[in-house]
PDB file of N, CA and C in Angstrom:
ATOM      1  N   MET A   1     -23.596  -5.247 -21.360  1.00  0.00           N
ATOM      2  CA  MET A   1     -24.113  -5.570 -20.240  1.00  0.00           C
ATOM      3  C   MET A   1     -25.524  -6.208 -20.033  1.00  0.00           C
ATOM      4  N   LYS A   2     -25.633  -7.371 -19.174  1.00  0.00           N
ATOM      5  CA  LYS A   2     -27.102  -7.650 -19.120  1.00  0.00           C
ATOM      6  C   LYS A   2     -27.912  -7.439 -17.874  1.00  0.00           C
ATOM      7  N   SER A   3     -28.973  -7.496 -18.046  1.00  0.00           N
ATOM      8  CA  SER A   3     -30.051  -7.151 -17.090  1.00  0.00           C
ATOM      9  C   SER A   3     -31.010  -8.470 -16.453  1.00  0.00           C
ATOM     10  N   VAL A   4     -31.209  -8.625 -15.425  1.00  0.00           N
ATOM     11  CA  VAL A   4     -31.948  -9.745 -15.285  1.00  0.00           C
ATOM     12  C   VAL A   4     -32.398  -9.750 -14.047  1.00  0.00           C
ATOM     13  N   GLY A   5     -33.912 -10.247 -13.960  1.00  0.00           N
ATOM     14  CA  GLY A   5     -34.715 -10.053 -12.620  1.00  0.00           C
ATOM     15  C   GLY A   5     -34.219 -11.002 -11.654  1.00  0.00           C
ATOM     16  N   ILE A   6     -34.570 -10.829 -10.601  1.00  0.00           N
ATOM     17  CA  ILE A   6     -34.212 -11.918  -9.213  1.00  0.00           C
ATOM     18  C   ILE A   6     -35.076 -12.920  -9.697  1.00  0.00           C
ATOM     19  N   ARG A   7     -36.182 -13.059 -10.098  1.00  0.00           N
ATOM     20  CA  ARG A   7     -36.592 -14.489 -10.555  1.00  0.00           C
ATOM     21  C   ARG A   7     -36.053 -15.230 -11.425  1.00  0.00           C
ATOM     22  N   GLN A   8     -35.781 -14.480 -12.607  1.00  0.00           N
ATOM     23  CA  GLN A   8     -35.090 -15.313 -13.562  1.00  0.00           C
ATOM     24  C   GLN A   8     -33.769 -15.770 -13.239  1.00  0.00           C
ATOM     25  N   LEU A   9     -32.999 -14.942 -12.059  1.00  0.00           N
ATOM     26  CA  LEU A   9     -31.820 -15.309 -11.576  1.00  0.00           C
ATOM     27  C   LEU A   9     -31.508 -16.649 -10.606  1.00  0.00           C
ATOM     28  N   LYS A  10     -32.693 -16.625  -9.944  1.00  0.00           N
ATOM     29  CA  LYS A  10     -32.848 -17.541  -9.261  1.00  0.00           C
ATOM     30  C   LYS A  10     -32.965 -18.909 -10.064  1.00  0.00           C
ATOM     31  N   ALA A  11     -33.891 -18.604 -11.233  1.00  0.00           N
ATOM     32  CA  ALA A  11     -34.205 -19.867 -11.973  1.00  0.00           C
ATOM     33  C   ALA A  11     -32.825 -20.518 -12.687  1.00  0.00           C
ATOM     34  N   ARG A  12     -31.916 -19.417 -13.113  1.00  0.00           N
ATOM     35  CA  ARG A  12     -30.908 -20.092 -13.956  1.00  0.00           C
ATOM     36  C   ARG A  12     -29.596 -19.419 -13.631  1.00  0.00           C
ATOM     37  N   LEU A  13     -29.530 -19.545 -12.095  1.00  0.00           N
ATOM     38  CA  LEU A  13     -27.981 -18.962 -11.675  1.00  0.00           C
ATOM     39  C   LEU A  13     -27.109 -19.391 -12.068  1.00  0.00           C
ATOM     40  N   SER A  14     -26.805 -20.842 -12.384  1.00  0.00           N
ATOM     41  CA  SER A  14     -25.696 -21.372 -13.346  1.00  0.00           C
ATOM     42  C   SER A  14     -25.013 -20.697 -14.117  1.00  0.00           C
ATOM     43  N   GLU A  15     -26.359 -20.431 -15.157  1.00  0.00           N
ATOM     44  CA  GLU A  15     -25.942 -19.809 -16.644  1.00  0.00           C
ATOM     45  C   GLU A  15     -25.281 -18.623 -16.171  1.00  0.00           C
ATOM     46  N   TYR A  16     -25.695 -17.562 -15.292  1.00  0.00           N
ATOM     47  CA  TYR A  16     -25.509 -16.095 -15.082  1.00  0.00           C
ATOM     48  C   TYR A  16     -24.018 -16.152 -14.312  1.00  0.00           C
ATOM     49  N   VAL A  17     -23.654 -17.381 -13.572  1.00  0.00           N
ATOM     50  CA  VAL A  17     -22.188 -17.282 -13.096  1.00  0.00           C
ATOM     51  C   VAL A  17     -21.385 -17.592 -14.215  1.00  0.00           C
ATOM     52  N   ARG A  18     -21.932 -18.572 -15.147  1.00  0.00           N
ATOM     53  CA  ARG A  18     -20.910 -18.775 -16.259  1.00  0.00           C
ATOM     54  C   ARG A  18     -20.209 -17.730 -16.752  1.00  0.00           C
ATOM     55  N   LEU A  19     -21.622 -16.707 -17.147  1.00  0.00           N
ATOM     56  CA  LEU A  19     -21.232 -15.642 -17.921  1.00  0.00           C
ATOM     57  C   LEU A  19     -20.475 -14.424 -16.944  1.00  0.00           C
ATOM     58  N   ALA A  20     -20.600 -14.753 -15.672  1.00  0.00           N
ATOM     59  CA  ALA A  20     -19.866 -13.835 -15.123  1.00  0.00           C
ATOM     60  C   ALA A  20     -18.364 -14.091 -15.187  1.00  0.00           C
ATOM     61  N   ARG A  21     -18.038 -15.377 -14.963  1.00  0.00           N
ATOM     62  CA  ARG A  21     -16.692 -16.027 -14.962  1.00  0.00           C
ATOM     63  C   ARG A  21     -16.163 -15.794 -15.995  1.00  0.00           C
ATOM     64  N   ARG A  22     -16.657 -15.418 -17.278  1.00  0.00           N
ATOM     65  CA  ARG A  22     -16.010 -15.043 -18.625  1.00  0.00           C
ATOM     66  C   ARG A  22     -15.816 -13.602 -18.815  1.00  0.00           C
ATOM     67  N   GLY A  23     -16.231 -12.715 -17.650  1.00  0.00           N
ATOM     68  CA  GLY A  23     -15.919 -11.482 -17.906  1.00  0.00           C
ATOM     69  C   GLY A  23     -17.293 -10.754 -17.912  1.00  0.00           C
ATOM     70  N   GLU A  24     -18.207 -11.165 -18.361  1.00  0.00           N
ATOM     71  CA  GLU A  24     -19.549 -10.045 -18.471  1.00  0.00           C
ATOM     72  C   GLU A  24     -20.166  -9.930 -17.034  1.00  0.00           C
ATOM     73  N   THR A  25     -20.832  -8.440 -17.130  1.00  0.00           N
ATOM     74  CA  THR A  25     -21.485  -8.246 -15.895  1.00  0.00           C
ATOM     75  C   THR A  25     -22.929  -8.087 -16.050  1.00  0.00           C
ATOM     76  N   ILE A  26     -23.791  -8.511 -14.844  1.00  0.00           N
ATOM     77  CA  ILE A  26     -25.243  -8.937 -15.033  1.00  0.00           C
ATOM     78  C   ILE A  26     -25.474  -8.074 -13.947  1.00  0.00           C
ATOM     79  N   LEU A  27     -26.361  -6.992 -14.217  1.00  0.00           N
ATOM     80  CA  LEU A  27     -27.111  -6.139 -13.340  1.00  0.00           C
ATOM     81  C   LEU A  27     -28.497  -7.142 -12.818  1.00  0.00           C
ATOM     82  N   VAL A  28     -28.430  -7.159 -11.571  1.00  0.00           N
ATOM     83  CA  VAL A  28     -29.647  -7.555 -10.988  1.00  0.00           C
ATOM     84  C   VAL A  28     -30.680  -6.891 -10.714  1.00  0.00           C
ATOM     85  N   SER A  29     -31.935  -6.799 -10.944  1.00  0.00           N
ATOM     86  CA  SER A  29     -33.071  -5.972 -10.565  1.00  0.00           C
ATOM     87  C   SER A  29     -34.172  -6.573  -9.811  1.00  0.00           C
ATOM     88  N   ASP A  30     -34.703  -5.753  -9.188  1.00  0.00           N
ATOM     89  CA  ASP A  30     -35.975  -6.031  -8.180  1.00  0.00           C
ATOM     90  C   ASP A  30     -37.128  -5.023  -8.445  1.00  0.00           C
ATOM     91  N   ARG A  31     -38.032  -5.361  -9.186  1.00  0.00           N
ATOM     92  CA  ARG A  31     -38.870  -4.482  -9.564  1.00  0.00           C
ATOM     93  C   ARG A  31     -38.571  -3.007 -10.078  1.00  0.00           C
ATOM     94  N   ASP A  32     -38.151  -3.622 -11.431  1.00  0.00           N
ATOM     95  CA  ASP A  32     -37.522  -2.534 -12.434  1.00  0.00           C
ATOM     96  C   ASP A  32     -36.222  -1.715 -11.380  1.00  0.00           C
ATOM     97  N   GLU A  33     -35.769  -1.846 -10.307  1.00  0.00           N
ATOM     98  CA  GLU A  33     -34.578  -1.249  -9.863  1.00  0.00           C
ATOM     99  C   GLU A  33     -33.406  -1.892  -9.580  1.00  0.00           C
ATOM    100  N   VAL A  34     -32.346  -1.383 -10.449  1.00  0.00           N
ATOM    101  CA  VAL A  34     -31.139  -2.512 -10.234  1.00  0.00           C
ATOM    102  C   VAL A  34     -30.673  -2.263  -8.814  1.00  0.00           C
ATOM    103  N   VAL A  35     -30.447  -3.689  -8.268  1.00  0.00           N
ATOM    104  CA  VAL A  35     -30.078  -3.884  -6.797  1.00  0.00           C
ATOM    105  C   VAL A  35     -28.750  -4.092  -6.399  1.00  0.00           C
ATOM    106  N   ALA A  36     -28.113  -4.910  -7.625  1.00  0.00           N
ATOM    107  CA  ALA A  36     -26.909  -5.359  -7.401  1.00  0.00           C
ATOM    108  C   ALA A  36     -26.384  -5.835  -8.761  1.00  0.00           C
ATOM    109  N   GLU A  37     -25.007  -6.125  -8.861  1.00  0.00           N
ATOM    110  CA  GLU A  37     -24.188  -6.379  -9.773  1.00  0.00           C
ATOM    111  C   GLU A  37     -23.520  -7.896  -9.772  1.00  0.00           C
ATOM    112  N   LEU A  38     -23.701  -8.598 -10.715  1.00  0.00           N
ATOM    113  CA  LEU A  38     -23.242 -10.115 -10.668  1.00  0.00           C
ATOM    114  C   LEU A  38     -21.778  -9.860 -11.837  1.00  0.00           C
ATOM    115  N   GLY A  39     -20.657 -10.384 -11.612  1.00  0.00           N
ATOM    116  CA  GLY A  39     -19.614  -9.630 -12.352  1.00  0.00           C
ATOM    117  C   GLY A  39     -18.555 -10.754 -12.293  1.00  0.00           C
ATOM    118  N   PRO A  40     -17.483 -10.797 -12.606  1.00  0.00           N
ATOM    119  CA  PRO A  40     -15.994 -11.706 -12.316  1.00  0.00           C
ATOM    120  C   PRO A  40     -15.550 -11.215 -11.009  1.00  0.00           C
ATOM    121  N   ALA A  41     -14.818 -12.035 -10.409  1.00  0.00           N
ATOM    122  CA  ALA A  41     -14.236 -11.546  -9.125  1.00  0.00           C
ATOM    123  C   ALA A  41     -13.250 -10.502  -9.593  1.00  0.00           C
ATOM    124  N   ARG A  42     -12.772  -9.999  -8.949  1.00  0.00           N
ATOM    125  CA  ARG A  42     -11.741  -8.789  -8.708  1.00  0.00           C
ATOM    126  C   ARG A  42     -10.391  -9.123  -8.561  1.00  0.00           C
ATOM    127  N   HIS A  43     -10.214 -10.308  -7.556  1.00  0.00           N
ATOM    128  CA  HIS A  43      -9.061 -11.008  -7.297  1.00  0.00           C
ATOM    129  C   HIS A  43      -9.084 -12.491  -7.359  1.00  0.00           C
ATOM    130  N   GLN A  44      -8.298 -13.358  -7.469  1.00  0.00           N
ATOM    131  CA  GLN A  44      -8.324 -14.599  -7.187  1.00  0.00           C
ATOM    132  C   GLN A  44      -7.575 -14.910  -5.999  1.00  0.00           C
ATOM    133  N   PRO A  45      -8.360 -15.897  -5.291  1.00  0.00           N
ATOM    134  CA  PRO A  45      -7.950 -16.536  -4.100  1.00  0.00           C
ATOM    135  C   PRO A  45      -6.317 -17.087  -4.001  1.00  0.00           C
ATOM    136  N   LEU A  46      -5.344 -16.460  -2.876  1.00  0.00           N
ATOM    137  CA  LEU A  46      -4.214 -17.304  -2.938  1.00  0.00           C
ATOM    138  C   LEU A  46      -4.164 -18.386  -2.797  1.00  0.00           C
ATOM    139  N   ALA A  47      -3.274 -19.126  -3.531  1.00  0.00           N
ATOM    140  CA  ALA A  47      -2.827 -20.731  -3.540  1.00  0.00           C
ATOM    141  C   ALA A  47      -2.045 -20.835  -2.000  1.00  0.00           C
ATOM    142  N   PRO A  48      -2.412 -22.020  -1.441  1.00  0.00           N
ATOM    143  CA  PRO A  48      -1.282 -21.873  -0.034  1.00  0.00           C
ATOM    144  C   PRO A  48      -0.127 -21.854  -0.199  1.00  0.00           C
ATOM    145  N   ASP A  49       0.740 -22.094  -1.267  1.00  0.00           N
ATOM    146  CA  ASP A  49       2.063 -22.054  -1.480  1.00  0.00           C
ATOM    147  C   ASP A  49       2.626 -20.406  -1.923  1.00  0.00           C
ATOM    148  N   SER A  50       1.819 -19.844  -2.526  1.00  0.00           N
ATOM    149  CA  SER A  50       1.814 -18.559  -2.799  1.00  0.00           C
ATOM    150  C   SER A  50       1.403 -17.599  -1.503  1.00  0.00           C
ATOM    151  N   LEU A  51       0.823 -17.979  -0.802  1.00  0.00           N
ATOM    152  CA  LEU A  51       0.770 -17.199   0.426  1.00  0.00           C
ATOM    153  C   LEU A  51       2.232 -16.840   1.029  1.00  0.00           C
ATOM    154  N   GLY A  52       2.801 -18.009   1.405  1.00  0.00           N
ATOM    155  CA  GLY A  52       4.302 -17.854   1.829  1.00  0.00           C
ATOM    156  C   GLY A  52       5.049 -17.014   1.000  1.00  0.00           C
ATOM    157  N   ALA A  53       5.044 -16.760  -0.329  1.00  0.00           N
ATOM    158  CA  ALA A  53       6.006 -15.934  -1.037  1.00  0.00           C
ATOM    159  C   ALA A  53       5.460 -14.588  -0.903  1.00  0.00           C
ATOM    160  N   LEU A  54       4.059 -14.485  -1.238  1.00  0.00           N
ATOM    161  CA  LEU A  54       3.635 -13.018  -0.911  1.00  0.00           C
ATOM    162  C   LEU A  54       4.222 -12.397   0.560  1.00  0.00           C
ATOM    163  N   LEU A  55       3.715 -13.470   1.656  1.00  0.00           N
ATOM    164  CA  LEU A  55       4.438 -13.071   2.969  1.00  0.00           C
ATOM    165  C   LEU A  55       5.856 -12.758   3.005  1.00  0.00           C
ATOM    166  N   ASP A  56       6.609 -13.133   2.194  1.00  0.00           N
ATOM    167  CA  ASP A  56       8.230 -13.049   2.459  1.00  0.00           C
ATOM    168  C   ASP A  56       8.688 -11.885   1.510  1.00  0.00           C
ATOM    169  N   ARG A  57       7.558 -11.574   0.674  1.00  0.00           N
ATOM    170  CA  ARG A  57       7.655 -10.434  -0.315  1.00  0.00           C
ATOM    171  C   ARG A  57       7.327  -8.930   0.549  1.00  0.00           C
ATOM    172  N   LEU A  58       6.107  -8.983   1.213  1.00  0.00           N
ATOM    173  CA  LEU A  58       5.719  -8.115   2.067  1.00  0.00           C
ATOM    174  C   LEU A  58       6.724  -7.642   3.497  1.00  0.00           C
ATOM    175  N   ALA A  59       7.308  -9.025   3.750  1.00  0.00           N
ATOM    176  CA  ALA A  59       8.513  -8.760   4.651  1.00  0.00           C
ATOM    177  C   ALA A  59       9.705  -7.877   4.392  1.00  0.00           C
ATOM    178  N   ARG A  60      10.100  -8.220   2.846  1.00  0.00           N
ATOM    179  CA  ARG A  60      11.592  -7.698   2.334  1.00  0.00           C
ATOM    180  C   ARG A  60      10.858  -6.162   1.997  1.00  0.00           C
ATOM    181  N   GLN A  61       9.476  -5.819   1.975  1.00  0.00           N
ATOM    182  CA  GLN A  61       9.149  -4.797   1.600  1.00  0.00           C
ATOM    183  C   GLN A  61       8.908  -3.791   3.026  1.00  0.00           C
ATOM    184  N   GLY A  62       9.273  -4.456   4.181  1.00  0.00           N
ATOM    185  CA  GLY A  62       8.839  -3.660   5.174  1.00  0.00           C
ATOM    186  C   GLY A  62       7.496  -3.425   5.729  1.00  0.00           C
ATOM    187  N   GLN A  63       6.625  -3.804   5.149  1.00  0.00           N
ATOM    188  CA  GLN A  63       5.329  -3.887   5.178  1.00  0.00           C
ATOM    189  C   GLN A  63       4.772  -4.793   6.230  1.00  0.00           C
ATOM    190  N   ILE A  64       5.151  -5.916   6.710  1.00  0.00           N
ATOM    191  CA  ILE A  64       4.888  -7.081   7.822  1.00  0.00           C
ATOM    192  C   ILE A  64       6.070  -7.380   8.396  1.00  0.00           C
ATOM    193  N   THR A  65       5.833  -8.157   9.454  1.00  0.00           N
ATOM    194  CA  THR A  65       6.716  -8.689  10.102  1.00  0.00           C
ATOM    195  C   THR A  65       6.727 -10.066  10.320  1.00  0.00           C
ATOM    196  N   ARG A  66       7.495 -10.897   9.744  1.00  0.00           N
ATOM    197  CA  ARG A  66       7.035 -12.491   9.813  1.00  0.00           C
ATOM    198  C   ARG A  66       7.505 -12.886  11.520  1.00  0.00           C
ATOM    199  N   ALA A  67       6.300 -14.001  11.937  1.00  0.00           N
ATOM    200  CA  ALA A  67       6.468 -14.490  13.256  1.00  0.00           C
ATOM    201  C   ALA A  67       8.071 -15.211  13.168  1.00  0.00           C
ATOM    202  N   VAL A  68       8.588 -15.216  14.580  1.00  0.00           N
ATOM    203  CA  VAL A  68       9.760 -16.083  14.787  1.00  0.00           C
ATOM    204  C   VAL A  68       9.083 -17.360  15.255  1.00  0.00           C
ATOM    205  N   ARG A  69       9.474 -18.288  14.776  1.00  0.00           N
ATOM    206  CA  ARG A  69       9.177 -19.872  15.201  1.00  0.00           C
ATOM    207  C   ARG A  69      10.098 -20.094  16.305  1.00  0.00           C
ATOM    208  N   SER A  70       9.935 -20.517  17.648  1.00  0.00           N
ATOM    209  CA  SER A  70      10.981 -21.392  18.309  1.00  0.00           C
ATOM    210  C   SER A  70      11.476 -22.593  17.884  1.00  0.00           C
ATOM    211  N   LYS A  71      12.497 -22.970  18.191  1.00  0.00           N
ATOM    212  CA  LYS A  71      12.769 -24.535  17.805  1.00  0.00           C
ATOM    213  C   LYS A  71      11.751 -25.787  18.055  1.00  0.00           C
ATOM    214  N   PRO A  72      11.679 -26.524  17.435  1.00  0.00           N
ATOM    215  CA  PRO A  72      10.677 -27.672  17.756  1.00  0.00           C
ATOM    216  C   PRO A  72      10.993 -28.004  19.345  1.00  0.00           C
ATOM    217  N   GLY A  73       9.762 -28.401  20.362  1.00  0.00           N
ATOM    218  CA  GLY A  73      10.183 -28.864  21.318  1.00  0.00           C
ATOM    219  C   GLY A  73      10.481 -27.984  22.367  1.00  0.00           C
ATOM    220  N   ARG A  74      10.687 -26.780  22.365  1.00  0.00           N
ATOM    221  CA  ARG A  74      10.737 -25.436  22.936  1.00  0.00           C
ATOM    222  C   ARG A  74       9.881 -24.750  23.279  1.00  0.00           C
ATOM    223  N   ARG A  75       9.280 -24.525  24.345  1.00  0.00           N
ATOM    224  CA  ARG A  75       8.348 -23.554  24.830  1.00  0.00           C
ATOM    225  C   ARG A  75       8.581 -22.026  24.635  1.00  0.00           C
ATOM    226  N   SER A  76       7.640 -21.154  24.363  1.00  0.00           N
ATOM    227  CA  SER A  76       8.416 -19.693  23.863  1.00  0.00           C
ATOM    228  C   SER A  76       7.932 -18.826  24.962  1.00  0.00           C
ATOM    229  N   TRP A  77       7.278 -19.727  25.860  1.00  0.00           N
ATOM    230  CA  TRP A  77       6.886 -18.926  27.062  1.00  0.00           C
ATOM    231  C   TRP A  77       7.242 -19.889  28.275  1.00  0.00           C
ATOM    232  N   ALA A  78       7.556 -19.228  29.367  1.00  0.00           N
ATOM    233  CA  ALA A  78       8.589 -19.683  30.683  1.00  0.00           C
ATOM    234  C   ALA A  78       7.214 -20.276  31.908  1.00  0.00           C
ATOM    235  N   PRO A  79       6.723 -21.490  31.791  1.00  0.00           N
ATOM    236  CA  PRO A  79       5.598 -21.675  32.916  1.00  0.00           C
ATOM    237  C   PRO A  79       5.661 -21.011  34.425  1.00  0.00           C
ATOM    238  N   ARG A  80       4.627 -20.590  34.772  1.00  0.00           N
ATOM    239  CA  ARG A  80       5.009 -19.785  36.287  1.00  0.00           C
ATOM    240  C   ARG A  80       4.205 -20.654  37.025  1.00  0.00           C
ATOM    241  N   PRO A  81       4.625 -20.361  38.343  1.00  0.00           N
ATOM    242  CA  PRO A  81       4.118 -21.219  39.562  1.00  0.00           C
ATOM    243  C   PRO A  81       2.844 -20.488  39.922  1.00  0.00           C
ATOM    244  N   LEU A  82       1.601 -21.441  40.410  1.00  0.00           N
ATOM    245  CA  LEU A  82       0.649 -20.925  40.692  1.00  0.00           C
ATOM    246  C   LEU A  82       0.333 -19.857  41.814  1.00  0.00           C
ATOM    247  N   GLY A  83       1.694 -20.069  42.926  1.00  0.00           N
ATOM    248  CA  GLY A  83       1.722 -19.477  43.933  1.00  0.00           C
ATOM    249  C   GLY A  83       0.814 -19.814  45.323  1.00  0.00           C
ATOM    250  N   LEU A  84       0.349 -21.242  45.181  1.00  0.00           N
ATOM    251  CA  LEU A  84      -0.118 -21.981  46.171  1.00  0.00           C
ATOM    252  C   LEU A  84       0.834 -23.112  46.502  1.00  0.00           C
ATOM    253  N   PRO A  85       0.438 -23.327  47.778  1.00  0.00           N
ATOM    254  CA  PRO A  85       1.398 -24.345  48.746  1.00  0.00           C
ATOM    255  C   PRO A  85       0.930 -25.636  47.655  1.00  0.00           C
ATOM    256  N   SER A  86       2.302 -26.507  47.815  1.00  0.00           N
ATOM    257  CA  SER A  86       2.181 -27.690  47.253  1.00  0.00           C
ATOM    258  C   SER A  86       1.133 -28.404  47.791  1.00  0.00           C
ATOM    259  N   GLU A  87       0.609 -28.469  49.083  1.00  0.00           N
ATOM    260  CA  GLU A  87      -0.415 -29.362  49.891  1.00  0.00           C
ATOM    261  C   GLU A  87      -1.619 -28.527  49.176  1.00  0.00           C
ATOM    262  N   SER A  88      -2.144 -27.517  48.779  1.00  0.00           N
ATOM    263  CA  SER A  88      -3.072 -27.130  48.430  1.00  0.00           C
ATOM    264  C   SER A  88      -3.361 -28.016  47.072  1.00  0.00           C
ATOM    265  N   VAL A  89      -2.362 -27.687  46.039  1.00  0.00           N
ATOM    266  CA  VAL A  89      -2.274 -28.207  44.932  1.00  0.00           C
ATOM    267  C   VAL A  89      -2.701 -29.596  44.793  1.00  0.00           C
ATOM    268  N   ASP A  90      -1.882 -30.363  45.894  1.00  0.00           N
ATOM    269  CA  ASP A  90      -2.131 -32.116  45.987  1.00  0.00           C
ATOM    270  C   ASP A  90      -3.488 -32.257  46.521  1.00  0.00           C
ATOM    271  N   ARG A  91      -4.135 -31.514  47.314  1.00  0.00           N
ATOM    272  CA  ARG A  91      -5.408 -31.841  47.939  1.00  0.00           C
ATOM    273  C   ARG A  91      -6.269 -31.767  46.390  1.00  0.00           C
ATOM    274  N   LEU A  92      -6.322 -30.423  45.987  1.00  0.00           N
ATOM    275  CA  LEU A  92      -6.997 -30.546  44.834  1.00  0.00           C
ATOM    276  C   LEU A  92      -7.098 -31.424  43.724  1.00  0.00           C
ATOM    277  N   LEU A  93      -5.893 -32.169  43.181  1.00  0.00           N
ATOM    278  CA  LEU A  93      -5.882 -33.070  42.432  1.00  0.00           C
ATOM    279  C   LEU A  93      -6.450 -34.090  42.982  1.00  0.00           C
ATOM    280  N   ASP A  94      -6.268 -34.549  44.061  1.00  0.00           N
ATOM    281  CA  ASP A  94      -6.958 -35.509  44.495  1.00  0.00           C
ATOM    282  C   ASP A  94      -8.475 -35.474  45.025  1.00  0.00           C
ATOM    283  N   GLU A  95      -8.827 -34.613  44.980  1.00  0.00           N
ATOM    284  CA  GLU A  95     -10.454 -34.312  45.080  1.00  0.00           C
ATOM    285  C   GLU A  95     -11.114 -34.407  43.336  1.00  0.00           C
ATOM    286  N   LEU A  96     -10.429 -33.992  42.722  1.00  0.00           N
ATOM    287  CA  LEU A  96     -10.786 -34.067  41.127  1.00  0.00           C
ATOM    288  C   LEU A  96     -10.666 -35.626  40.526  1.00  0.00           C
ATOM    289  N   ARG A  97      -9.874 -36.164  41.100  1.00  0.00           N
ATOM    290  CA  ARG A  97      -9.745 -37.364  40.466  1.00  0.00           C
ATOM    291  C   ARG A  97     -10.617 -38.583  41.387  1.00  0.00           C
ATOM    292  N   GLU A  98     -11.030 -38.152  42.267  1.00  0.00           N
ATOM    293  CA  GLU A  98     -12.185 -38.861  43.138  1.00  0.00           C
ATOM    294  C   GLU A  98     -13.492 -38.703  42.297  1.00  0.00           C
ATOM    295  N   ASP A  99     -13.620 -37.733  41.426  1.00  0.00           N
ATOM    296  CA  ASP A  99     -14.887 -37.503  40.927  1.00  0.00           C
ATOM    297  C   ASP A  99     -14.582 -38.576  39.850  1.00  0.00           C
ATOM    298  N   ARG A 100     -13.695 -38.872  39.276  1.00  0.00           N
ATOM    299  CA  ARG A 100     -13.823 -39.529  38.122  1.00  0.00           C
ATOM    300  C   ARG A 100     -14.563 -40.869  38.245  1.00  0.00           C
TER     301      ARG A 100
END
């Protein structure tokens, strides 16, 4: 395990990141007090295609419920009327169009 001061870490950051990528842990100190650790990532980010596989596996295990998509072109919600008389709506639309 290596130890490095903040000033040296800033000056040679890419070198220390390479060491961390290789599995080494670097202790970062500020005025002789260890304040942080730089090391290898604990997990790798998921690739987009593996995300679907992960979600499918979690759904099979009952840990999540996958969203259900409606058929293309169909709304999953029904529009509701505004509750205004049609004359009011027409008048409002005309006023908005005049401002253009």
